[in-house]
Amino acid sequence: RISLARSAMGRAYIAGTTEAERAEIIERIRERTEPDRLQEIL
């Protein structure tokens, strides 16, 4: 298992999925990522 938010495979998955799932993933990332790292990941 590797990171959905930081790995190449995870980010490609996010890029290819539906808008609804992408929005859900982004919201989860916002909730669980430290503020000083969030913008870099987004």
PDB file of all heavy atoms in Angstrom:
ATOM      1  N   ARG A   1       0.845  -1.191   0.000  1.00  0.00           N
ATOM      2  CA  ARG A   1       0.000   0.000   0.000  1.00  0.00           C
ATOM      3  C   ARG A   1       0.880   1.240   0.000  1.00  0.00           C
ATOM      4  O   ARG A   1       1.832   1.337   0.762  1.00  0.00           O
ATOM      5  CB  ARG A   1      -0.930   0.013   1.225  1.00  0.00           C
ATOM      6  CG  ARG A   1      -1.853  -1.184   1.299  1.00  0.00           C
ATOM      7  CD  ARG A   1      -2.673  -1.186   2.582  1.00  0.00           C
ATOM      8  NE  ARG A   1      -3.787  -0.260   2.502  1.00  0.00           N
ATOM      9  CZ  ARG A   1      -4.057   0.673   3.411  1.00  0.00           C
ATOM     10  NH1 ARG A   1      -3.241   0.853   4.438  1.00  0.00           N
ATOM     11  NH2 ARG A   1      -5.122   1.444   3.283  1.00  0.00           N
ATOM     12  N   ILE A   2       0.558   2.192  -0.889  1.00  0.00           N
ATOM     13  CA  ILE A   2       1.291   3.440  -0.972  1.00  0.00           C
ATOM     14  C   ILE A   2       0.302   4.600  -0.911  1.00  0.00           C
ATOM     15  O   ILE A   2      -0.903   4.416  -1.071  1.00  0.00           O
ATOM     16  CB  ILE A   2       2.141   3.519  -2.252  1.00  0.00           C
ATOM     17  CG1 ILE A   2       1.246   3.416  -3.491  1.00  0.00           C
ATOM     18  CG2 ILE A   2       3.196   2.414  -2.261  1.00  0.00           C
ATOM     19  CD1 ILE A   2       2.006   3.563  -4.797  1.00  0.00           C
ATOM     20  N   SER A   3       0.822   5.786  -0.718  1.00  0.00           N
ATOM     21  CA  SER A   3      -0.020   6.958  -0.516  1.00  0.00           C
ATOM     22  C   SER A   3      -0.851   7.305  -1.741  1.00  0.00           C
ATOM     23  O   SER A   3      -0.334   7.387  -2.859  1.00  0.00           O
ATOM     24  CB  SER A   3       0.856   8.154  -0.139  1.00  0.00           C
ATOM     25  OG  SER A   3       0.111   9.353  -0.162  1.00  0.00           O
ATOM     26  N   LEU A   4      -2.143   7.528  -1.528  1.00  0.00           N
ATOM     27  CA  LEU A   4      -3.020   7.988  -2.600  1.00  0.00           C
ATOM     28  C   LEU A   4      -2.705   9.436  -2.965  1.00  0.00           C
ATOM     29  O   LEU A   4      -2.755   9.817  -4.135  1.00  0.00           O
ATOM     30  CB  LEU A   4      -4.485   7.859  -2.159  1.00  0.00           C
ATOM     31  CG  LEU A   4      -5.566   8.330  -3.136  1.00  0.00           C
ATOM     32  CD1 LEU A   4      -5.592   7.454  -4.378  1.00  0.00           C
ATOM     33  CD2 LEU A   4      -6.935   8.317  -2.452  1.00  0.00           C
ATOM     34  N   ALA A   5      -2.363  10.244  -1.977  1.00  0.00           N
ATOM     35  CA  ALA A   5      -2.186  11.684  -2.195  1.00  0.00           C
ATOM     36  C   ALA A   5      -0.814  12.058  -2.737  1.00  0.00           C
ATOM     37  O   ALA A   5      -0.683  13.072  -3.423  1.00  0.00           O
ATOM     38  CB  ALA A   5      -2.426  12.436  -0.881  1.00  0.00           C
ATOM     39  N   ARG A   6       0.223  11.259  -2.446  1.00  0.00           N
ATOM     40  CA  ARG A   6       1.580  11.674  -2.787  1.00  0.00           C
ATOM     41  C   ARG A   6       2.247  10.841  -3.875  1.00  0.00           C
ATOM     42  O   ARG A   6       3.177  11.307  -4.525  1.00  0.00           O
ATOM     43  CB  ARG A   6       2.461  11.656  -1.528  1.00  0.00           C
ATOM     44  CG  ARG A   6       2.065  12.682  -0.487  1.00  0.00           C
ATOM     45  CD  ARG A   6       3.060  12.723   0.670  1.00  0.00           C
ATOM     46  NE  ARG A   6       3.073  11.486   1.428  1.00  0.00           N
ATOM     47  CZ  ARG A   6       4.044  10.584   1.382  1.00  0.00           C
ATOM     48  NH1 ARG A   6       5.094  10.774   0.612  1.00  0.00           N
ATOM     49  NH2 ARG A   6       3.979   9.488   2.126  1.00  0.00           N
ATOM     50  N   SER A   7       1.817   9.621  -4.089  1.00  0.00           N
ATOM     51  CA  SER A   7       2.479   8.759  -5.064  1.00  0.00           C
ATOM     52  C   SER A   7       2.020   9.078  -6.480  1.00  0.00           C
ATOM     53  O   SER A   7       0.949   9.649  -6.707  1.00  0.00           O
ATOM     54  CB  SER A   7       2.192   7.287  -4.756  1.00  0.00           C
ATOM     55  OG  SER A   7       0.819   6.992  -4.988  1.00  0.00           O
ATOM     56  N   ALA A   8       2.845   8.688  -7.461  1.00  0.00           N
ATOM     57  CA  ALA A   8       2.471   8.868  -8.864  1.00  0.00           C
ATOM     58  C   ALA A   8       1.209   8.087  -9.188  1.00  0.00           C
ATOM     59  O   ALA A   8       0.287   8.593  -9.848  1.00  0.00           O
ATOM     60  CB  ALA A   8       3.626   8.421  -9.768  1.00  0.00           C
ATOM     61  N   MET A   9       1.141   6.850  -8.732  1.00  0.00           N
ATOM     62  CA  MET A   9      -0.022   6.020  -9.017  1.00  0.00           C
ATOM     63  C   MET A   9      -1.279   6.600  -8.378  1.00  0.00           C
ATOM     64  O   MET A   9      -2.351   6.634  -8.992  1.00  0.00           O
ATOM     65  CB  MET A   9       0.214   4.588  -8.513  1.00  0.00           C
ATOM     66  CG  MET A   9      -0.925   3.628  -8.856  1.00  0.00           C
ATOM     67  SD  MET A   9      -0.644   1.948  -8.211  1.00  0.00           S
ATOM     68  CE  MET A   9       0.485   1.305  -9.422  1.00  0.00           C
ATOM     69  N   GLY A  10      -1.149   7.069  -7.134  1.00  0.00           N
ATOM     70  CA  GLY A  10      -2.303   7.640  -6.451  1.00  0.00           C
ATOM     71  C   GLY A  10      -2.816   8.890  -7.140  1.00  0.00           C
ATOM     72  O   GLY A  10      -4.019   9.070  -7.348  1.00  0.00           O
ATOM     73  N   ARG A  11      -1.898   9.776  -7.521  1.00  0.00           N
ATOM     74  CA  ARG A  11      -2.316  11.022  -8.168  1.00  0.00           C
ATOM     75  C   ARG A  11      -2.875  10.768  -9.564  1.00  0.00           C
ATOM     76  O   ARG A  11      -3.807  11.458  -9.987  1.00  0.00           O
ATOM     77  CB  ARG A  11      -1.141  11.988  -8.214  1.00  0.00           C
ATOM     78  CG  ARG A  11      -0.781  12.533  -6.829  1.00  0.00           C
ATOM     79  CD  ARG A  11       0.405  13.482  -6.873  1.00  0.00           C
ATOM     80  NE  ARG A  11       0.680  14.025  -5.545  1.00  0.00           N
ATOM     81  CZ  ARG A  11       1.677  14.854  -5.265  1.00  0.00           C
ATOM     82  NH1 ARG A  11       2.492  15.251  -6.239  1.00  0.00           N
ATOM     83  NH2 ARG A  11       1.856  15.296  -4.038  1.00  0.00           N
ATOM     84  N   ALA A  12      -2.325   9.782 -10.282  1.00  0.00           N
ATOM     85  CA  ALA A  12      -2.891   9.430 -11.586  1.00  0.00           C
ATOM     86  C   ALA A  12      -4.299   8.873 -11.407  1.00  0.00           C
ATOM     87  O   ALA A  12      -5.195   9.155 -12.220  1.00  0.00           O
ATOM     88  CB  ALA A  12      -1.999   8.411 -12.295  1.00  0.00           C
ATOM     89  N   TYR A  13      -4.493   8.088 -10.356  1.00  0.00           N
ATOM     90  CA  TYR A  13      -5.839   7.578 -10.066  1.00  0.00           C
ATOM     91  C   TYR A  13      -6.803   8.741  -9.838  1.00  0.00           C
ATOM     92  O   TYR A  13      -7.902   8.775 -10.397  1.00  0.00           O
ATOM     93  CB  TYR A  13      -5.797   6.673  -8.833  1.00  0.00           C
ATOM     94  CG  TYR A  13      -7.166   6.179  -8.404  1.00  0.00           C
ATOM     95  CD1 TYR A  13      -7.612   4.925  -8.797  1.00  0.00           C
ATOM     96  CD2 TYR A  13      -8.013   6.962  -7.622  1.00  0.00           C
ATOM     97  CE1 TYR A  13      -8.873   4.463  -8.432  1.00  0.00           C
ATOM     98  CE2 TYR A  13      -9.272   6.523  -7.252  1.00  0.00           C
ATOM     99  CZ  TYR A  13      -9.695   5.277  -7.660  1.00  0.00           C
ATOM    100  OH  TYR A  13     -10.944   4.837  -7.303  1.00  0.00           O
ATOM    101  N   ILE A  14      -6.397   9.693  -9.018  1.00  0.00           N
ATOM    102  CA  ILE A  14      -7.241  10.850  -8.724  1.00  0.00           C
ATOM    103  C   ILE A  14      -7.561  11.612 -10.009  1.00  0.00           C
ATOM    104  O   ILE A  14      -8.690  12.057 -10.226  1.00  0.00           O
ATOM    105  CB  ILE A  14      -6.562  11.773  -7.706  1.00  0.00           C
ATOM    106  CG1 ILE A  14      -6.399  11.059  -6.360  1.00  0.00           C
ATOM    107  CG2 ILE A  14      -7.362  13.067  -7.515  1.00  0.00           C
ATOM    108  CD1 ILE A  14      -5.555  11.815  -5.349  1.00  0.00           C
ATOM    109  N   ALA A  15      -6.557  11.749 -10.882  1.00  0.00           N
ATOM    110  CA  ALA A  15      -6.755  12.475 -12.134  1.00  0.00           C
ATOM    111  C   ALA A  15      -7.750  11.769 -13.048  1.00  0.00           C
ATOM    112  O   ALA A  15      -8.461  12.417 -13.826  1.00  0.00           O
ATOM    113  CB  ALA A  15      -5.417  12.637 -12.857  1.00  0.00           C
ATOM    114  N   GLY A  16      -7.801  10.451 -12.968  1.00  0.00           N
ATOM    115  CA  GLY A  16      -8.645   9.695 -13.884  1.00  0.00           C
ATOM    116  C   GLY A  16     -10.024   9.355 -13.377  1.00  0.00           C
ATOM    117  O   GLY A  16     -10.874   8.898 -14.152  1.00  0.00           O
ATOM    118  N   THR A  17     -10.286   9.584 -12.102  1.00  0.00           N
ATOM    119  CA  THR A  17     -11.565   9.167 -11.542  1.00  0.00           C
ATOM    120  C   THR A  17     -12.652  10.204 -11.809  1.00  0.00           C
ATOM    121  O   THR A  17     -12.408  11.243 -12.424  1.00  0.00           O
ATOM    122  CB  THR A  17     -11.428   8.893 -10.035  1.00  0.00           C
ATOM    123  OG1 THR A  17     -12.569   8.173  -9.576  1.00  0.00           O
ATOM    124  CG2 THR A  17     -11.290  10.189  -9.245  1.00  0.00           C
ATOM    125  N   THR A  18     -13.847   9.946 -11.335  1.00  0.00           N
ATOM    126  CA  THR A  18     -14.965  10.847 -11.565  1.00  0.00           C
ATOM    127  C   THR A  18     -14.806  12.121 -10.746  1.00  0.00           C
ATOM    128  O   THR A  18     -14.078  12.153  -9.747  1.00  0.00           O
ATOM    129  CB  THR A  18     -16.287  10.178 -11.172  1.00  0.00           C
ATOM    130  OG1 THR A  18     -16.263   9.898  -9.752  1.00  0.00           O
ATOM    131  CG2 THR A  18     -16.483   8.866 -11.933  1.00  0.00           C
ATOM    132  N   GLU A  19     -15.514  13.167 -11.144  1.00  0.00           N
ATOM    133  CA  GLU A  19     -15.442  14.427 -10.399  1.00  0.00           C
ATOM    134  C   GLU A  19     -15.945  14.257  -8.974  1.00  0.00           C
ATOM    135  O   GLU A  19     -15.394  14.845  -8.045  1.00  0.00           O
ATOM    136  CB  GLU A  19     -16.263  15.495 -11.127  1.00  0.00           C
ATOM    137  CG  GLU A  19     -15.651  15.959 -12.442  1.00  0.00           C
ATOM    138  CD  GLU A  19     -16.412  17.126 -13.038  1.00  0.00           C
ATOM    139  OE1 GLU A  19     -17.301  17.676 -12.339  1.00  0.00           O
ATOM    140  OE2 GLU A  19     -16.135  17.487 -14.189  1.00  0.00           O
ATOM    141  N   ALA A  20     -16.970  13.428  -8.803  1.00  0.00           N
ATOM    142  CA  ALA A  20     -17.536  13.225  -7.468  1.00  0.00           C
ATOM    143  C   ALA A  20     -16.532  12.545  -6.551  1.00  0.00           C
ATOM    144  O   ALA A  20     -16.331  12.962  -5.401  1.00  0.00           O
ATOM    145  CB  ALA A  20     -18.812  12.401  -7.552  1.00  0.00           C
ATOM    146  N   GLU A  21     -15.875  11.483  -7.043  1.00  0.00           N
ATOM    147  CA  GLU A  21     -14.901  10.788  -6.202  1.00  0.00           C
ATOM    148  C   GLU A  21     -13.690  11.673  -5.955  1.00  0.00           C
ATOM    149  O   GLU A  21     -13.134  11.682  -4.854  1.00  0.00           O
ATOM    150  CB  GLU A  21     -14.463   9.475  -6.843  1.00  0.00           C
ATOM    151  CG  GLU A  21     -13.521   8.684  -5.943  1.00  0.00           C
ATOM    152  CD  GLU A  21     -13.107   7.338  -6.509  1.00  0.00           C
ATOM    153  OE1 GLU A  21     -13.528   7.012  -7.644  1.00  0.00           O
ATOM    154  OE2 GLU A  21     -12.349   6.623  -5.823  1.00  0.00           O
ATOM    155  N   ARG A  22     -13.281  12.438  -6.960  1.00  0.00           N
ATOM    156  CA  ARG A  22     -12.136  13.329  -6.787  1.00  0.00           C
ATOM    157  C   ARG A  22     -12.420  14.358  -5.698  1.00  0.00           C
ATOM    158  O   ARG A  22     -11.566  14.640  -4.854  1.00  0.00           O
ATOM    159  CB  ARG A  22     -11.795  14.030  -8.104  1.00  0.00           C
ATOM    160  CG  ARG A  22     -10.485  14.825  -8.038  1.00  0.00           C
ATOM    161  CD  ARG A  22     -10.182  15.497  -9.378  1.00  0.00           C
ATOM    162  NE  ARG A  22     -10.204  14.537 -10.450  1.00  0.00           N
ATOM    163  CZ  ARG A  22     -11.002  14.635 -11.517  1.00  0.00           C
ATOM    164  NH1 ARG A  22     -11.813  15.661 -11.654  1.00  0.00           N
ATOM    165  NH2 ARG A  22     -10.966  13.711 -12.452  1.00  0.00           N
ATOM    166  N   ALA A  23     -13.620  14.900  -5.713  1.00  0.00           N
ATOM    167  CA  ALA A  23     -13.985  15.887  -4.693  1.00  0.00           C
ATOM    168  C   ALA A  23     -13.978  15.258  -3.307  1.00  0.00           C
ATOM    169  O   ALA A  23     -13.536  15.883  -2.329  1.00  0.00           O
ATOM    170  CB  ALA A  23     -15.353  16.472  -5.011  1.00  0.00           C
ATOM    171  N   GLU A  24     -14.454  14.035  -3.202  1.00  0.00           N
ATOM    172  CA  GLU A  24     -14.467  13.334  -1.909  1.00  0.00           C
ATOM    173  C   GLU A  24     -13.044  13.088  -1.421  1.00  0.00           C
ATOM    174  O   GLU A  24     -12.729  13.255  -0.240  1.00  0.00           O
ATOM    175  CB  GLU A  24     -15.221  12.008  -2.060  1.00  0.00           C
ATOM    176  CG  GLU A  24     -15.269  11.157  -0.790  1.00  0.00           C
ATOM    177  CD  GLU A  24     -14.236  10.032  -0.816  1.00  0.00           C
ATOM    178  OE1 GLU A  24     -13.957   9.496  -1.907  1.00  0.00           O
ATOM    179  OE2 GLU A  24     -13.715   9.698   0.273  1.00  0.00           O
ATOM    180  N   ILE A  25     -12.154  12.698  -2.331  1.00  0.00           N
ATOM    181  CA  ILE A  25     -10.761  12.460  -1.968  1.00  0.00           C
ATOM    182  C   ILE A  25     -10.090  13.752  -1.505  1.00  0.00           C
ATOM    183  O   ILE A  25      -9.394  13.777  -0.479  1.00  0.00           O
ATOM    184  CB  ILE A  25      -9.989  11.851  -3.155  1.00  0.00           C
ATOM    185  CG1 ILE A  25     -10.477  10.426  -3.438  1.00  0.00           C
ATOM    186  CG2 ILE A  25      -8.482  11.847  -2.877  1.00  0.00           C
ATOM    187  CD1 ILE A  25      -9.929   9.828  -4.717  1.00  0.00           C
ATOM    188  N   ILE A  26     -10.302  14.823  -2.253  1.00  0.00           N
ATOM    189  CA  ILE A  26      -9.699  16.110  -1.896  1.00  0.00           C
ATOM    190  C   ILE A  26     -10.181  16.567  -0.521  1.00  0.00           C
ATOM    191  O   ILE A  26      -9.400  17.066   0.300  1.00  0.00           O
ATOM    192  CB  ILE A  26     -10.029  17.186  -2.950  1.00  0.00           C
ATOM    193  CG1 ILE A  26      -9.394  16.825  -4.297  1.00  0.00           C
ATOM    194  CG2 ILE A  26      -9.547  18.562  -2.488  1.00  0.00           C
ATOM    195  CD1 ILE A  26      -7.900  16.736  -4.285  1.00  0.00           C
ATOM    196  N   GLU A  27     -11.455  16.366  -0.231  1.00  0.00           N
ATOM    197  CA  GLU A  27     -11.987  16.757   1.076  1.00  0.00           C
ATOM    198  C   GLU A  27     -11.327  15.945   2.177  1.00  0.00           C
ATOM    199  O   GLU A  27     -10.971  16.480   3.241  1.00  0.00           O
ATOM    200  CB  GLU A  27     -13.502  16.542   1.102  1.00  0.00           C
ATOM    201  CG  GLU A  27     -14.164  16.951   2.408  1.00  0.00           C
ATOM    202  CD  GLU A  27     -13.975  18.423   2.736  1.00  0.00           C
ATOM    203  OE1 GLU A  27     -13.798  19.242   1.797  1.00  0.00           O
ATOM    204  OE2 GLU A  27     -13.986  18.775   3.936  1.00  0.00           O
ATOM    205  N   ARG A  28     -11.134  14.650   1.937  1.00  0.00           N
ATOM    206  CA  ARG A  28     -10.470  13.801   2.932  1.00  0.00           C
ATOM    207  C   ARG A  28      -9.024  14.251   3.137  1.00  0.00           C
ATOM    208  O   ARG A  28      -8.509  14.236   4.262  1.00  0.00           O
ATOM    209  CB  ARG A  28     -10.497  12.342   2.469  1.00  0.00           C
ATOM    210  CG  ARG A  28     -11.885  11.721   2.383  1.00  0.00           C
ATOM    211  CD  ARG A  28     -12.384  11.230   3.733  1.00  0.00           C
ATOM    212  NE  ARG A  28     -11.449  10.336   4.375  1.00  0.00           N
ATOM    213  CZ  ARG A  28     -11.285   9.049   4.047  1.00  0.00           C
ATOM    214  NH1 ARG A  28     -11.994   8.519   3.060  1.00  0.00           N
ATOM    215  NH2 ARG A  28     -10.417   8.301   4.702  1.00  0.00           N
ATOM    216  N   ILE A  29      -8.351  14.622   2.057  1.00  0.00           N
ATOM    217  CA  ILE A  29      -6.967  15.095   2.163  1.00  0.00           C
ATOM    218  C   ILE A  29      -6.907  16.372   2.995  1.00  0.00           C
ATOM    219  O   ILE A  29      -6.031  16.543   3.845  1.00  0.00           O
ATOM    220  CB  ILE A  29      -6.366  15.320   0.762  1.00  0.00           C
ATOM    221  CG1 ILE A  29      -6.171  13.976   0.052  1.00  0.00           C
ATOM    222  CG2 ILE A  29      -5.033  16.079   0.858  1.00  0.00           C
ATOM    223  CD1 ILE A  29      -5.754  14.107  -1.397  1.00  0.00           C
ATOM    224  N   ARG A  30      -7.834  17.284   2.764  1.00  0.00           N
ATOM    225  CA  ARG A  30      -7.870  18.534   3.520  1.00  0.00           C
ATOM    226  C   ARG A  30      -8.048  18.270   5.015  1.00  0.00           C
ATOM    227  O   ARG A  30      -7.463  18.942   5.867  1.00  0.00           O
ATOM    228  CB  ARG A  30      -9.000  19.429   3.018  1.00  0.00           C
ATOM    229  CG  ARG A  30      -8.770  20.012   1.623  1.00  0.00           C
ATOM    230  CD  ARG A  30      -9.925  20.938   1.236  1.00  0.00           C
ATOM    231  NE  ARG A  30      -9.748  21.498  -0.091  1.00  0.00           N
ATOM    232  CZ  ARG A  30      -9.001  22.564  -0.368  1.00  0.00           C
ATOM    233  NH1 ARG A  30      -8.370  23.198   0.620  1.00  0.00           N
ATOM    234  NH2 ARG A  30      -8.890  23.012  -1.605  1.00  0.00           N
ATOM    235  N   GLU A  31      -8.858  17.273   5.348  1.00  0.00           N
ATOM    236  CA  GLU A  31      -9.163  16.980   6.740  1.00  0.00           C
ATOM    237  C   GLU A  31      -7.987  16.354   7.485  1.00  0.00           C
ATOM    238  O   GLU A  31      -7.846  16.562   8.688  1.00  0.00           O
ATOM    239  CB  GLU A  31     -10.368  16.036   6.824  1.00  0.00           C
ATOM    240  CG  GLU A  31     -11.691  16.664   6.371  1.00  0.00           C
ATOM    241  CD  GLU A  31     -12.802  15.643   6.311  1.00  0.00           C
ATOM    242  OE1 GLU A  31     -12.504  14.429   6.460  1.00  0.00           O
ATOM    243  OE2 GLU A  31     -13.963  16.041   6.114  1.00  0.00           O
ATOM    244  N   ARG A  32      -7.145  15.627   6.778  1.00  0.00           N
ATOM    245  CA  ARG A  32      -6.137  14.830   7.470  1.00  0.00           C
ATOM    246  C   ARG A  32      -4.702  15.275   7.215  1.00  0.00           C
ATOM    247  O   ARG A  32      -3.758  14.629   7.674  1.00  0.00           O
ATOM    248  CB  ARG A  32      -6.284  13.357   7.080  1.00  0.00           C
ATOM    249  CG  ARG A  32      -6.082  13.074   5.599  1.00  0.00           C
ATOM    250  CD  ARG A  32      -6.516  11.668   5.234  1.00  0.00           C
ATOM    251  NE  ARG A  32      -5.671  10.664   5.843  1.00  0.00           N
ATOM    252  CZ  ARG A  32      -5.977   9.364   5.947  1.00  0.00           C
ATOM    253  NH1 ARG A  32      -7.124   8.938   5.503  1.00  0.00           N
ATOM    254  NH2 ARG A  32      -5.146   8.512   6.494  1.00  0.00           N
ATOM    255  N   THR A  33      -4.493  16.370   6.480  1.00  0.00           N
ATOM    256  CA  THR A  33      -3.148  16.830   6.151  1.00  0.00           C
ATOM    257  C   THR A  33      -2.780  18.057   6.961  1.00  0.00           C
ATOM    258  O   THR A  33      -3.604  18.965   7.143  1.00  0.00           O
ATOM    259  CB  THR A  33      -3.039  17.161   4.646  1.00  0.00           C
ATOM    260  OG1 THR A  33      -3.434  16.018   3.881  1.00  0.00           O
ATOM    261  CG2 THR A  33      -1.607  17.536   4.281  1.00  0.00           C
ATOM    262  N   GLU A  34      -1.546  18.088   7.445  1.00  0.00           N
ATOM    263  CA  GLU A  34      -1.058  19.247   8.188  1.00  0.00           C
ATOM    264  C   GLU A  34      -1.107  20.492   7.306  1.00  0.00           C
ATOM    265  O   GLU A  34      -0.779  20.422   6.107  1.00  0.00           O
ATOM    266  CB  GLU A  34       0.376  19.016   8.653  1.00  0.00           C
ATOM    267  CG  GLU A  34       0.529  17.861   9.642  1.00  0.00           C
ATOM    268  CD  GLU A  34      -0.176  18.157  10.951  1.00  0.00           C
ATOM    269  OE1 GLU A  34      -0.264  19.345  11.329  1.00  0.00           O
ATOM    270  OE2 GLU A  34      -0.634  17.200  11.598  1.00  0.00           O
ATOM    271  N   PRO A  35      -1.515  21.637   7.858  1.00  0.00           N
ATOM    272  CA  PRO A  35      -1.676  22.859   7.050  1.00  0.00           C
ATOM    273  C   PRO A  35      -0.439  23.255   6.258  1.00  0.00           C
ATOM    274  O   PRO A  35      -0.544  23.722   5.129  1.00  0.00           O
ATOM    275  CB  PRO A  35      -2.012  23.921   8.109  1.00  0.00           C
ATOM    276  CG  PRO A  35      -2.643  23.153   9.226  1.00  0.00           C
ATOM    277  CD  PRO A  35      -1.922  21.839   9.262  1.00  0.00           C
ATOM    278  N   ASP A  36       0.743  23.040   6.830  1.00  0.00           N
ATOM    279  CA  ASP A  36       1.963  23.462   6.139  1.00  0.00           C
ATOM    280  C   ASP A  36       2.330  22.563   4.962  1.00  0.00           C
ATOM    281  O   ASP A  36       3.209  22.899   4.161  1.00  0.00           O
ATOM    282  CB  ASP A  36       3.136  23.534   7.117  1.00  0.00           C
ATOM    283  CG  ASP A  36       3.430  22.194   7.778  1.00  0.00           C
ATOM    284  OD1 ASP A  36       2.522  21.346   7.830  1.00  0.00           O
ATOM    285  OD2 ASP A  36       4.569  22.000   8.244  1.00  0.00           O
ATOM    286  N   ARG A  37       1.652  21.415   4.831  1.00  0.00           N
ATOM    287  CA  ARG A  37       1.933  20.495   3.721  1.00  0.00           C
ATOM    288  C   ARG A  37       0.783  20.420   2.731  1.00  0.00           C
ATOM    289  O   ARG A  37       0.945  19.886   1.636  1.00  0.00           O
ATOM    290  CB  ARG A  37       2.203  19.088   4.268  1.00  0.00           C
ATOM    291  CG  ARG A  37       3.405  18.990   5.187  1.00  0.00           C
ATOM    292  CD  ARG A  37       3.626  17.549   5.606  1.00  0.00           C
ATOM    293  NE  ARG A  37       3.783  16.695   4.434  1.00  0.00           N
ATOM    294  CZ  ARG A  37       3.491  15.390   4.406  1.00  0.00           C
ATOM    295  NH1 ARG A  37       3.003  14.810   5.482  1.00  0.00           N
ATOM    296  NH2 ARG A  37       3.682  14.678   3.327  1.00  0.00           N
ATOM    297  N   LEU A  38      -0.374  20.946   3.120  1.00  0.00           N
ATOM    298  CA  LEU A  38      -1.577  20.758   2.324  1.00  0.00           C
ATOM    299  C   LEU A  38      -1.452  21.331   0.919  1.00  0.00           C
ATOM    300  O   LEU A  38      -1.765  20.652  -0.070  1.00  0.00           O
ATOM    301  CB  LEU A  38      -2.779  21.377   3.044  1.00  0.00           C
ATOM    302  CG  LEU A  38      -4.110  21.310   2.292  1.00  0.00           C
ATOM    303  CD1 LEU A  38      -4.494  19.863   2.013  1.00  0.00           C
ATOM    304  CD2 LEU A  38      -5.204  22.002   3.100  1.00  0.00           C
ATOM    305  N   GLN A  39      -1.025  22.593   0.803  1.00  0.00           N
ATOM    306  CA  GLN A  39      -1.005  23.232  -0.509  1.00  0.00           C
ATOM    307  C   GLN A  39      -0.064  22.515  -1.470  1.00  0.00           C
ATOM    308  O   GLN A  39      -0.378  22.382  -2.665  1.00  0.00           O
ATOM    309  CB  GLN A  39      -0.601  24.706  -0.372  1.00  0.00           C
ATOM    310  CG  GLN A  39      -0.873  25.521  -1.629  1.00  0.00           C
ATOM    311  CD  GLN A  39      -2.329  25.464  -2.058  1.00  0.00           C
ATOM    312  OE1 GLN A  39      -3.235  25.718  -1.255  1.00  0.00           O
ATOM    313  NE2 GLN A  39      -2.580  25.112  -3.312  1.00  0.00           N
ATOM    314  N   GLU A  40       1.053  22.036  -0.969  1.00  0.00           N
ATOM    315  CA  GLU A  40       1.996  21.302  -1.814  1.00  0.00           C
ATOM    316  C   GLU A  40       1.346  20.052  -2.404  1.00  0.00           C
ATOM    317  O   GLU A  40       1.501  19.742  -3.592  1.00  0.00           O
ATOM    318  CB  GLU A  40       3.234  20.915  -1.014  1.00  0.00           C
ATOM    319  CG  GLU A  40       4.245  20.108  -1.805  1.00  0.00           C
ATOM    320  CD  GLU A  40       5.412  19.634  -0.946  1.00  0.00           C
ATOM    321  OE1 GLU A  40       5.471  20.025   0.244  1.00  0.00           O
ATOM    322  OE2 GLU A  40       6.252  18.878  -1.469  1.00  0.00           O
ATOM    323  N   ILE A  41       0.595  19.333  -1.569  1.00  0.00           N
ATOM    324  CA  ILE A  41      -0.072  18.120  -2.036  1.00  0.00           C
ATOM    325  C   ILE A  41      -1.166  18.459  -3.038  1.00  0.00           C
ATOM    326  O   ILE A  41      -1.298  17.804  -4.085  1.00  0.00           O
ATOM    327  CB  ILE A  41      -0.644  17.335  -0.847  1.00  0.00           C
ATOM    328  CG1 ILE A  41       0.507  16.754  -0.018  1.00  0.00           C
ATOM    329  CG2 ILE A  41      -1.575  16.222  -1.315  1.00  0.00           C
ATOM    330  CD1 ILE A  41       0.082  16.037   1.240  1.00  0.00           C
ATOM    331  N   LEU A  42      -1.970  19.480  -2.750  1.00  0.00           N
ATOM    332  CA  LEU A  42      -3.033  19.869  -3.672  1.00  0.00           C
ATOM    333  C   LEU A  42      -2.466  20.336  -5.011  1.00  0.00           C
ATOM    334  O   LEU A  42      -3.022  20.031  -6.069  1.00  0.00           O
ATOM    335  CB  LEU A  42      -3.895  20.964  -3.042  1.00  0.00           C
ATOM    336  CG  LEU A  42      -4.689  20.565  -1.791  1.00  0.00           C
ATOM    337  CD1 LEU A  42      -5.485  21.760  -1.277  1.00  0.00           C
ATOM    338  CD2 LEU A  42      -5.615  19.389  -2.087  1.00  0.00           C
TER     339      LEU A  42
END
